Protein backbone atom coordinates (compact mmCIF):
# COMPACT_ATOMS: atom_id res chain seq x y z
CA MET A 1 -20.89 -3.47 -7.49
CA SER A 2 -17.96 -5.85 -8.03
CA GLY A 3 -19.50 -7.13 -11.22
CA LEU A 4 -20.49 -5.81 -14.64
CA ALA A 5 -23.67 -3.76 -14.88
CA THR A 6 -26.21 -5.35 -17.19
CA GLY A 7 -28.20 -2.60 -18.85
CA LYS A 8 -29.64 0.52 -17.33
CA PRO A 9 -31.59 0.51 -14.05
CA THR A 10 -35.32 0.01 -14.27
CA CYS A 11 -37.35 2.40 -12.15
CA ALA A 12 -40.93 2.40 -10.95
CA ALA A 13 -42.35 4.98 -8.54
CA ASP A 14 -39.69 5.56 -5.89
CA ARG A 15 -37.73 2.35 -6.46
CA CYS A 16 -35.00 1.48 -8.98
CA THR A 17 -33.54 -1.93 -9.66
CA PHE A 18 -29.90 -2.34 -10.71
CA GLN A 19 -28.54 -5.58 -12.08
CA TYR A 20 -24.96 -6.85 -12.13
CA LYS A 21 -23.36 -10.02 -13.39
CA MET A 22 -20.15 -11.73 -12.33
CA ASP A 23 -19.57 -14.72 -14.58
CA LYS A 24 -16.15 -15.56 -13.09
CA PRO A 25 -15.58 -17.55 -9.89
CA VAL A 26 -14.40 -15.25 -7.09
CA ALA A 27 -13.67 -15.68 -3.41
CA PRO A 28 -16.47 -14.40 -1.14
CA TYR A 29 -14.28 -11.62 0.25
CA LEU A 30 -14.18 -10.11 -3.25
CA ILE A 31 -17.92 -9.43 -3.36
CA ALA A 32 -18.62 -5.78 -2.57
CA LEU A 33 -21.38 -3.23 -2.91
CA ALA A 34 -21.18 0.56 -2.68
CA VAL A 35 -24.20 2.81 -2.25
CA GLY A 36 -24.16 6.59 -2.30
CA ASP A 37 -24.36 9.80 -4.27
CA ILE A 38 -21.67 8.94 -6.79
CA ALA A 39 -20.89 10.17 -10.28
CA PHE A 40 -18.81 8.71 -13.09
CA LYS A 41 -16.15 9.90 -15.52
CA SER A 42 -14.77 7.70 -18.25
CA THR A 43 -10.99 7.40 -18.65
CA GLY A 44 -11.08 5.02 -21.61
CA PRO A 45 -13.15 2.36 -23.36
CA ARG A 46 -12.99 -0.02 -20.38
CA THR A 47 -11.95 2.20 -17.47
CA GLY A 48 -13.41 5.03 -15.43
CA ILE A 49 -13.63 6.77 -12.07
CA TRP A 50 -16.56 6.79 -9.65
CA ALA A 51 -16.62 9.29 -6.79
CA GLU A 52 -18.84 11.68 -4.92
CA PRO A 53 -19.54 14.68 -7.20
CA ALA A 54 -17.35 17.03 -5.13
CA THR A 55 -14.40 14.62 -5.37
CA LEU A 56 -14.80 13.46 -8.96
CA PRO A 57 -12.84 16.20 -10.82
CA LYS A 58 -9.69 15.75 -8.72
CA ALA A 59 -10.01 11.97 -8.69
CA ALA A 60 -10.57 11.79 -12.44
CA TYR A 61 -7.39 13.80 -13.04
CA GLU A 62 -5.31 11.90 -10.50
CA PHE A 63 -6.24 8.49 -11.86
CA GLY A 64 -6.86 9.61 -15.42
CA GLU A 65 -4.30 7.24 -16.93
CA LEU A 66 -6.15 4.07 -15.96
CA GLU A 67 -6.31 2.78 -19.51
CA LYS A 68 -2.51 3.00 -19.78
CA PHE A 69 -2.19 1.12 -16.49
CA VAL A 70 -4.31 -1.78 -17.77
CA ALA A 71 -2.39 -1.91 -21.03
CA ALA A 72 0.95 -1.93 -19.18
CA ALA A 73 -0.21 -4.75 -16.91
CA GLU A 74 -1.44 -6.80 -19.86
CA GLY A 75 1.89 -6.30 -21.61
CA LEU A 76 3.59 -7.94 -18.65
CA TYR A 77 1.40 -10.85 -17.62
CA GLY A 78 -1.41 -11.42 -20.06
CA PRO A 79 -4.93 -10.27 -20.80
CA TYR A 80 -7.15 -8.49 -18.28
CA ARG A 81 -10.02 -10.94 -17.87
CA TRP A 82 -12.64 -8.99 -15.97
CA GLY A 83 -14.15 -6.77 -18.66
CA ARG A 84 -14.02 -3.32 -17.06
CA TYR A 85 -11.59 -1.80 -14.59
CA ASP A 86 -13.17 1.06 -12.67
CA VAL A 87 -11.99 2.83 -9.53
CA LEU A 88 -14.38 4.03 -6.83
CA VAL A 89 -12.91 6.72 -4.58
CA LEU A 90 -14.44 6.27 -1.15
CA PRO A 91 -14.94 8.84 1.63
CA PRO A 92 -11.88 9.69 3.77
CA SER A 93 -12.95 7.28 6.53
CA PHE A 94 -12.12 4.28 4.31
CA PRO A 95 -9.61 2.39 6.48
CA PHE A 96 -7.42 0.94 3.74
CA GLY A 97 -5.38 2.21 0.82
CA GLY A 98 -7.44 0.15 -1.57
CA MET A 99 -9.47 -3.01 -1.98
CA GLU A 100 -9.21 -5.05 -5.15
CA ASN A 101 -12.87 -5.89 -5.70
CA PRO A 102 -13.18 -7.35 -9.23
CA THR A 103 -14.03 -4.69 -11.85
CA LEU A 104 -14.28 -2.00 -9.13
CA THR A 105 -11.27 -1.10 -7.02
CA PHE A 106 -12.18 0.76 -3.84
CA ALA A 107 -9.57 3.47 -3.22
CA THR A 108 -8.73 5.96 -0.50
CA PRO A 109 -8.86 9.67 -1.33
CA THR A 110 -5.54 10.08 0.52
CA ALA A 111 -3.89 8.92 -2.74
CA ILE A 112 -5.04 12.14 -4.42
CA ALA A 113 -1.94 14.33 -4.22
CA GLY A 114 -2.69 16.54 -7.21
CA ASP A 115 0.39 15.48 -9.16
CA ARG A 116 -0.14 11.73 -9.70
CA SER A 117 2.79 10.98 -7.41
CA LEU A 118 0.89 8.38 -5.36
CA VAL A 119 -0.70 6.40 -8.20
CA SER A 120 1.36 3.33 -7.36
CA LEU A 121 -1.61 2.51 -5.14
CA ILE A 122 -3.73 2.11 -8.28
CA ALA A 123 -1.00 0.02 -9.92
CA HIS A 124 -1.13 -2.21 -6.85
CA GLU A 125 -4.89 -2.68 -6.86
CA LEU A 126 -4.92 -3.29 -10.61
CA ALA A 127 -2.18 -5.91 -10.24
CA HIS A 128 -4.51 -7.75 -7.88
CA SER A 129 -6.68 -8.47 -10.92
CA TRP A 130 -4.06 -11.14 -11.60
CA SER A 131 -2.53 -11.94 -8.21
CA GLY A 132 -5.35 -12.11 -5.69
CA ASN A 133 -8.42 -12.13 -7.91
CA LEU A 134 -7.33 -14.45 -10.74
CA VAL A 135 -5.11 -16.63 -8.51
CA THR A 136 -6.21 -16.28 -4.90
CA ASN A 137 -4.59 -17.35 -1.63
CA ALA A 138 -6.44 -20.42 -0.37
CA THR A 139 -6.12 -19.38 3.30
CA TRP A 140 -4.95 -16.28 5.16
CA ASP A 141 -1.81 -18.18 6.15
CA ASP A 142 -0.76 -17.61 2.54
CA PHE A 143 -1.73 -13.96 2.38
CA TRP A 144 1.68 -13.25 0.85
CA LEU A 145 0.64 -15.02 -2.36
CA ASN A 146 -1.74 -12.12 -2.92
CA GLU A 147 0.27 -9.22 -1.57
CA GLY A 148 3.85 -10.23 -2.31
CA PHE A 149 3.08 -11.02 -5.94
CA THR A 150 1.02 -7.86 -6.25
CA SER A 151 3.70 -5.62 -4.74
CA TYR A 152 6.23 -7.02 -7.21
CA PHE A 153 3.78 -6.62 -10.11
CA GLU A 154 2.90 -3.07 -8.99
CA ASN A 155 6.54 -2.05 -9.22
CA ARG A 156 6.84 -3.53 -12.69
CA ILE A 157 3.80 -1.54 -13.84
CA MET A 158 5.33 1.63 -12.41
CA GLU A 159 8.60 0.91 -14.20
CA ALA A 160 6.78 0.35 -17.50
CA LEU A 161 4.82 3.60 -17.19
CA TYR A 162 7.15 5.99 -15.35
CA GLY A 163 10.61 4.55 -15.81
CA LYS A 164 13.19 2.74 -13.75
CA ARG A 165 14.21 5.79 -11.69
CA ARG A 166 10.80 6.15 -10.07
CA ALA A 167 10.25 2.40 -9.73
CA ASP A 168 13.61 2.02 -8.00
CA MET A 169 12.80 4.79 -5.53
CA GLU A 170 9.54 3.12 -4.59
CA ALA A 171 11.21 -0.30 -4.26
CA ASP A 172 13.95 1.17 -2.08
CA LEU A 173 11.40 2.82 0.21
CA ALA A 174 9.58 -0.52 0.44
CA TRP A 175 12.83 -2.17 1.56
CA THR A 176 13.02 0.29 4.46
CA ASP A 177 9.37 -0.45 5.30
CA MET A 178 10.17 -4.17 5.31
CA LEU A 179 13.02 -3.76 7.78
CA ALA A 180 10.76 -1.69 10.02
CA ALA A 181 8.08 -4.39 9.81
CA VAL A 182 10.60 -7.04 10.85
CA LYS A 183 11.52 -4.94 13.87
CA ASP A 184 7.86 -4.36 14.76
CA ALA A 185 7.18 -8.10 14.50
CA GLY A 186 9.80 -8.81 17.16
CA GLY A 187 12.98 -9.15 15.13
CA PRO A 188 14.28 -11.50 12.43
CA ALA A 189 13.63 -14.62 14.54
CA ALA A 190 9.93 -13.83 15.02
CA LYS A 191 7.56 -16.33 13.39
CA ASP A 192 5.42 -13.55 11.95
CA THR A 193 8.31 -12.61 9.66
CA GLN A 194 7.71 -15.85 7.72
CA LEU A 195 5.85 -15.60 4.45
CA HIS A 196 3.72 -18.65 5.20
CA LEU A 197 2.03 -17.83 8.50
CA ASP A 198 0.56 -19.96 11.25
CA LEU A 199 -2.66 -18.16 12.10
CA ASP A 200 -4.34 -20.68 14.36
CA ALA A 201 -7.96 -20.41 15.38
CA ALA A 202 -7.11 -18.26 18.39
CA ARG A 203 -5.58 -15.49 16.28
CA ASP A 204 -7.24 -12.76 14.29
CA PRO A 205 -6.17 -13.17 10.62
CA ASP A 206 -5.71 -9.41 10.58
CA ASP A 207 -2.63 -9.95 12.77
CA GLY A 208 -0.84 -11.45 9.78
CA MET A 209 -1.61 -8.64 7.36
CA THR A 210 1.64 -6.74 7.84
CA GLN A 211 4.19 -5.30 5.43
CA ILE A 212 6.08 -8.59 5.63
CA ALA A 213 3.64 -10.21 3.21
CA TYR A 214 3.96 -7.29 0.81
CA ASP A 215 7.64 -6.40 0.91
CA LYS A 216 9.36 -9.68 1.83
CA GLY A 217 7.13 -11.37 -0.74
CA ALA A 218 8.17 -8.89 -3.44
CA ALA A 219 11.83 -9.25 -2.43
CA PHE A 220 11.53 -13.03 -2.80
CA LEU A 221 10.20 -12.69 -6.34
CA ARG A 222 12.94 -10.21 -7.24
CA THR A 223 15.47 -12.69 -5.94
CA ILE A 224 14.06 -15.38 -8.23
CA GLU A 225 14.12 -12.91 -11.12
CA LYS A 226 17.80 -12.15 -10.50
CA GLN A 227 18.66 -15.85 -10.48
CA VAL A 228 16.87 -16.85 -13.69
CA GLY A 229 16.78 -13.55 -15.59
CA ARG A 230 13.81 -11.33 -16.33
CA ALA A 231 12.88 -13.01 -19.63
CA ARG A 232 12.56 -16.49 -18.08
CA TRP A 233 10.84 -15.13 -14.99
CA ASP A 234 8.25 -13.11 -16.92
CA ALA A 235 7.45 -16.04 -19.19
CA TYR A 236 6.96 -18.27 -16.17
CA LEU A 237 4.83 -15.78 -14.26
CA ARG A 238 2.57 -15.19 -17.22
CA SER A 239 2.10 -18.95 -17.65
CA TYR A 240 1.51 -19.30 -13.90
CA PHE A 241 -1.43 -16.88 -14.04
CA ASP A 242 -2.80 -18.67 -17.12
CA ARG A 243 -2.48 -22.17 -15.68
CA HIS A 244 -3.97 -21.31 -12.29
CA ALA A 245 -6.58 -18.76 -13.37
CA PHE A 246 -9.68 -18.63 -11.19
CA GLN A 247 -8.20 -21.09 -8.69
CA PRO A 248 -7.03 -20.90 -5.07
CA GLN A 249 -3.34 -21.41 -4.34
CA THR A 250 -1.18 -22.32 -1.34
CA SER A 251 2.48 -21.73 -0.59
CA ALA A 252 3.18 -25.43 -1.04
CA GLY A 253 1.35 -25.40 -4.38
CA PHE A 254 3.30 -22.40 -5.63
CA LEU A 255 6.65 -23.90 -4.63
CA THR A 256 5.79 -27.18 -6.36
CA ASP A 257 4.83 -25.29 -9.50
CA LEU A 258 7.96 -23.13 -9.31
CA LYS A 259 10.24 -26.13 -9.04
CA SER A 260 8.53 -28.09 -11.79
CA LYS A 261 7.97 -25.30 -14.33
CA LEU A 262 10.87 -22.87 -13.82
CA LEU A 263 13.71 -23.71 -11.46
CA THR A 264 16.27 -26.47 -11.72
CA PRO A 265 17.07 -28.23 -8.43
CA ALA A 266 20.35 -26.31 -8.30
CA GLU A 267 18.60 -22.98 -8.81
CA ALA A 268 15.98 -23.76 -6.15
CA LYS A 269 18.78 -24.62 -3.72
CA THR A 270 20.79 -21.49 -4.58
CA ILE A 271 17.78 -19.26 -3.96
CA GLY A 272 16.64 -21.21 -0.92
CA VAL A 273 12.99 -21.07 -1.89
CA ASP A 274 11.73 -23.14 1.05
CA THR A 275 13.71 -21.01 3.49
CA TRP A 276 12.23 -17.87 1.99
CA VAL A 277 8.69 -19.13 2.54
CA TYR A 278 8.86 -21.14 5.75
CA SER A 279 11.61 -19.50 7.81
CA PRO A 280 11.62 -16.17 9.64
CA GLY A 281 13.76 -13.16 8.80
CA ILE A 282 15.11 -11.79 5.55
CA PRO A 283 17.51 -14.18 3.78
CA ALA A 284 21.00 -12.87 3.08
CA ASN A 285 20.53 -13.22 -0.68
CA ALA A 286 17.51 -10.90 -0.75
CA VAL A 287 17.66 -8.47 -3.67
CA HIS A 288 17.68 -4.90 -2.41
CA VAL A 289 16.81 -2.51 -5.21
CA THR A 290 18.67 0.70 -4.44
CA SER A 291 17.71 4.06 -5.88
CA ALA A 292 20.38 6.06 -7.68
CA ALA A 293 18.51 9.19 -6.56
CA PHE A 294 18.72 8.52 -2.81
CA PRO A 295 22.45 8.94 -2.04
CA ALA A 296 22.16 12.67 -2.77
CA VAL A 297 19.00 12.86 -0.67
CA ASP A 298 20.65 11.02 2.20
CA ALA A 299 23.65 13.35 2.02
CA ALA A 300 21.34 16.36 2.12
CA ALA A 301 19.60 14.99 5.21
CA LYS A 302 22.92 14.39 6.92
CA ALA A 303 24.12 17.88 6.06
CA TYR A 304 20.94 19.54 7.29
CA ALA A 305 20.99 17.56 10.54
CA ALA A 306 24.56 18.77 11.09
CA GLY A 307 23.44 22.39 10.82
CA GLY A 308 23.58 22.97 7.08
CA PRO A 309 21.41 25.58 5.35
CA VAL A 310 17.89 24.84 4.24
CA SER A 311 18.94 25.75 0.70
CA GLY A 312 20.71 22.38 0.61
CA VAL A 313 17.43 20.52 1.04
CA PRO A 314 16.01 19.17 -2.24
CA GLY A 315 13.16 21.56 -2.94
CA LYS A 316 11.85 20.62 -6.39
CA ALA A 317 11.91 16.93 -5.63
CA THR A 318 9.55 14.01 -6.07
CA THR A 319 7.29 12.76 -3.30
CA GLN A 320 9.56 9.76 -2.94
CA GLU A 321 12.67 11.94 -2.51
CA ILE A 322 10.99 14.22 0.01
CA THR A 323 9.72 11.25 2.01
CA ARG A 324 13.19 9.76 1.98
CA PHE A 325 14.74 13.03 3.14
CA ILE A 326 12.36 13.35 6.09
CA THR A 327 12.79 9.73 7.18
CA GLN A 328 16.58 10.00 7.00
CA LEU A 329 16.69 12.92 9.45
CA PRO A 330 17.56 11.93 13.02
CA ARG A 331 14.54 11.55 15.26
CA LYS A 332 15.93 14.25 17.57
CA LEU A 333 16.23 17.69 16.01
CA PRO A 334 16.15 21.14 17.64
CA ALA A 335 12.86 22.99 17.31
CA GLU A 336 14.58 25.72 15.30
CA ARG A 337 15.70 23.19 12.68
CA LEU A 338 12.14 21.89 12.38
CA LYS A 339 10.72 25.39 12.20
CA THR A 340 13.05 26.25 9.32
CA LEU A 341 11.81 23.24 7.36
CA ASP A 342 8.21 24.02 8.27
CA ILE A 343 8.49 27.60 6.96
CA ALA A 344 10.39 26.59 3.82
CA PHE A 345 8.22 23.70 2.68
CA GLY A 346 4.89 23.83 4.53
CA TRP A 347 4.88 20.14 5.34
CA ASN A 348 2.61 20.82 8.32
CA THR A 349 -0.19 21.65 5.90
CA THR A 350 0.68 19.74 2.73
CA GLY A 351 -2.14 17.85 1.06
CA ASN A 352 0.22 15.04 0.12
CA ALA A 353 -0.67 12.42 2.72
CA GLU A 354 2.58 10.45 2.47
CA ILE A 355 4.73 13.54 3.03
CA ARG A 356 2.44 14.80 5.79
CA PHE A 357 2.64 11.44 7.56
CA ALA A 358 6.44 11.29 7.39
CA TRP A 359 6.68 14.89 8.61
CA LEU A 360 4.33 14.33 11.55
CA GLN A 361 6.28 11.28 12.66
CA LEU A 362 9.40 13.44 12.82
CA ALA A 363 7.75 16.51 14.31
CA LEU A 364 5.84 14.63 17.00
CA ALA A 365 8.99 12.73 17.95
CA ASN A 366 10.45 16.13 18.86
CA HIS A 367 7.32 17.50 20.57
CA TYR A 368 7.35 20.26 17.96
CA ALA A 369 4.37 22.29 19.17
CA PRO A 370 3.17 23.65 15.79
CA ALA A 371 2.65 20.04 14.69
CA ASP A 372 -0.04 19.43 17.32
CA ALA A 373 -2.72 21.22 15.31
CA SER A 374 -1.48 19.58 12.11
CA ALA A 375 -1.75 16.15 13.71
CA GLU A 376 -5.27 16.88 14.88
CA GLN A 377 -6.35 18.06 11.43
CA PHE A 378 -4.73 15.08 9.73
CA LEU A 379 -6.10 12.49 12.13
CA THR A 380 -9.63 13.90 12.14
CA SER A 381 -9.86 14.37 8.36
CA GLN A 382 -9.12 10.78 7.29
CA GLY A 383 -9.16 7.32 8.83
CA ARG A 384 -6.68 5.35 6.75
CA ARG A 385 -5.19 2.89 9.21
CA LYS A 386 -1.72 3.04 7.63
CA PHE A 387 -1.44 6.66 8.79
CA VAL A 388 -3.70 6.70 11.83
CA ALA A 389 -2.41 3.72 13.81
CA PRO A 390 1.33 4.59 13.82
CA LEU A 391 0.71 8.20 14.79
CA PHE A 392 -1.53 7.27 17.71
CA GLN A 393 0.97 4.62 18.79
CA GLN A 394 3.76 7.18 18.66
CA LEU A 395 1.79 9.64 20.76
CA MET A 396 0.85 6.99 23.31
CA ASP A 397 4.53 6.08 23.63
CA SER A 398 5.53 9.71 24.23
CA GLY A 399 4.76 10.09 27.90
CA ASP A 400 2.11 12.28 29.49
CA TRP A 401 2.31 14.93 26.77
CA GLY A 402 1.70 12.48 23.94
CA HIS A 403 -0.90 10.49 25.85
CA LYS A 404 -3.01 13.58 26.51
CA LEU A 405 -2.76 14.76 22.91
CA ALA A 406 -3.66 11.30 21.61
CA MET A 407 -6.76 11.03 23.79
CA ASP A 408 -7.89 14.58 22.99
CA ILE A 409 -7.58 13.97 19.25
CA TYR A 410 -9.09 10.51 19.34
CA GLY A 411 -12.13 11.73 21.21
CA LYS A 412 -12.84 14.00 18.25
CA ALA A 413 -11.74 11.61 15.51
CA ARG A 414 -13.25 8.33 16.66
CA PRO A 415 -16.88 8.97 15.63
CA GLY A 416 -15.75 9.52 12.04
CA TYR A 417 -13.58 6.41 11.79
CA HIS A 418 -14.58 3.14 10.17
CA ALA A 419 -15.10 0.29 12.67
CA VAL A 420 -11.89 -1.39 11.47
CA THR A 421 -9.86 1.68 12.39
CA GLN A 422 -11.75 2.14 15.64
CA VAL A 423 -10.89 -1.39 16.77
CA THR A 424 -7.21 -0.81 16.00
CA VAL A 425 -6.94 2.55 17.73
CA ASP A 426 -9.10 1.45 20.66
CA ARG A 427 -6.49 -1.23 21.30
CA ILE A 428 -3.63 1.28 21.04
CA THR A 429 -5.20 3.87 23.32
CA GLY A 430 -7.16 1.64 25.69
CA TRP A 431 -10.24 3.68 24.79
CA LYS A 432 -12.83 1.04 25.66
CA LEU A 433 -11.30 0.56 29.09
CA MET A 434 -11.39 4.28 29.85
CA ASN A 435 -14.83 5.16 28.42
C-alpha cells in the first residue's frame, strides 16, 4: 500500500490483517492499494522491488540501483521524506509508465529492457516524491507543476548517475516529443499548448495530460536555470520544496514565489515567465539541450535512407541512439531497405519496448508486411497507453489495410487491456459504435 507497513500481518484461520500508516498529508489520488501474488527483493536499507515471482528476478536486476537513485535525488533537492522507496512492477496491462504513489511507485514491466537503458522512468517516478507528492498541483489545470518539474528533476538524476552524455540524449529526444505534442494539440497557437490549462467542467482532465506538461514544463525550468545559473537555481529549488512541503500549489503561486525568492524583475522579464505559463506555443528563448551523440546518428540515418550500406548503421549503440536513428529515417522507405534493417538488428522482435515502438511506427507507415505479426504480438502483450494508442491511431489512419489490421488486433487485445486503455482505443477505433 502507499504507506509504511507497521509490523507483520496477523493471521487467524483463513484471514490475515495487514496494517499500514501514512503520517504525511497526501492528495487522495496518491492513495493506492495493490493485491496479488507478489514477492519482494531488497535493493538497499530503504529500497526494494515488489513483483510477481516470475517477474521479480528481471525486475530486481533492472531496478537494482534504487538506493543510488534516492541518494542522487537527495543530493540535488534535499532529504527523501517518505521513509521507504519501493517499486511495484505491475502486470503488462498497466496503462501507464508509472504512478508515483508515496513509498510505492507502480511501474510498467515495459521498462524492463535487460540492460537498464530505460530506468529514466524510475528516476521520473522517484522525482515525484518531491514534485507531485511533497508539493502537489492544486488542480489539474496546473498538472505541469507535477510533471514539468519532475521531468526536469528526472533528467538531473540521470545526469548525476549516468553522466551528461546520456542525460543530453534523453533531453534531446524529449524536445522532439514536445514538438510532436504541439503539432498533435493543433499547432503553436492551440490553447492546450499552454502550461496552465483551462479544463472546464465539460472537459475530461485526462485531455490535458499530454507531453506538453512534461516537456514544455521541463524546458521552462531549464530556461530559468540558464538565466540564473545552476547554483542559484538549485539552491532556490531545494528551498522551494522545503518551504512548500506537503502543500498544494498553483501556477500563480509558483510564479509569485519565483519572483520573490529568485528572480529580479529584469530576469523575470527576460525569461518571460508569465508568457511561458499562460501563453500557447514554445517561446523562442526555450533551451534546447542537444546531444553531441546525435549528429553522427542523424548522418547515418540520412546515408542509409539514400541507399547506404547497413554497415553504416550504428550497431553497438544505446537505446537512445537506436531510437533516434529509427525516428530520423524518412517515413517512406522501400520494403527492401526495411528488410535489411529487420534482418540485421531484429527490431521486429526486440524486447526493448521503446525500440520496438519506434520500429513499428516506421514499418507500419510503409505497410511492411513482416511487421503485422510483430504489431499484433506487441499490442496484445502489453497495454501501456503510450505505445498502444499511437499505433492504433496510425493503423486507423492508414486506409482499408490499416483499419482491418487495427480491428483484428484490437478484437484480440481489448479483453486484456485496462479500462483506461480500453476507453482511449475505443475512441480511436470506434469500437463501441461497431460492437
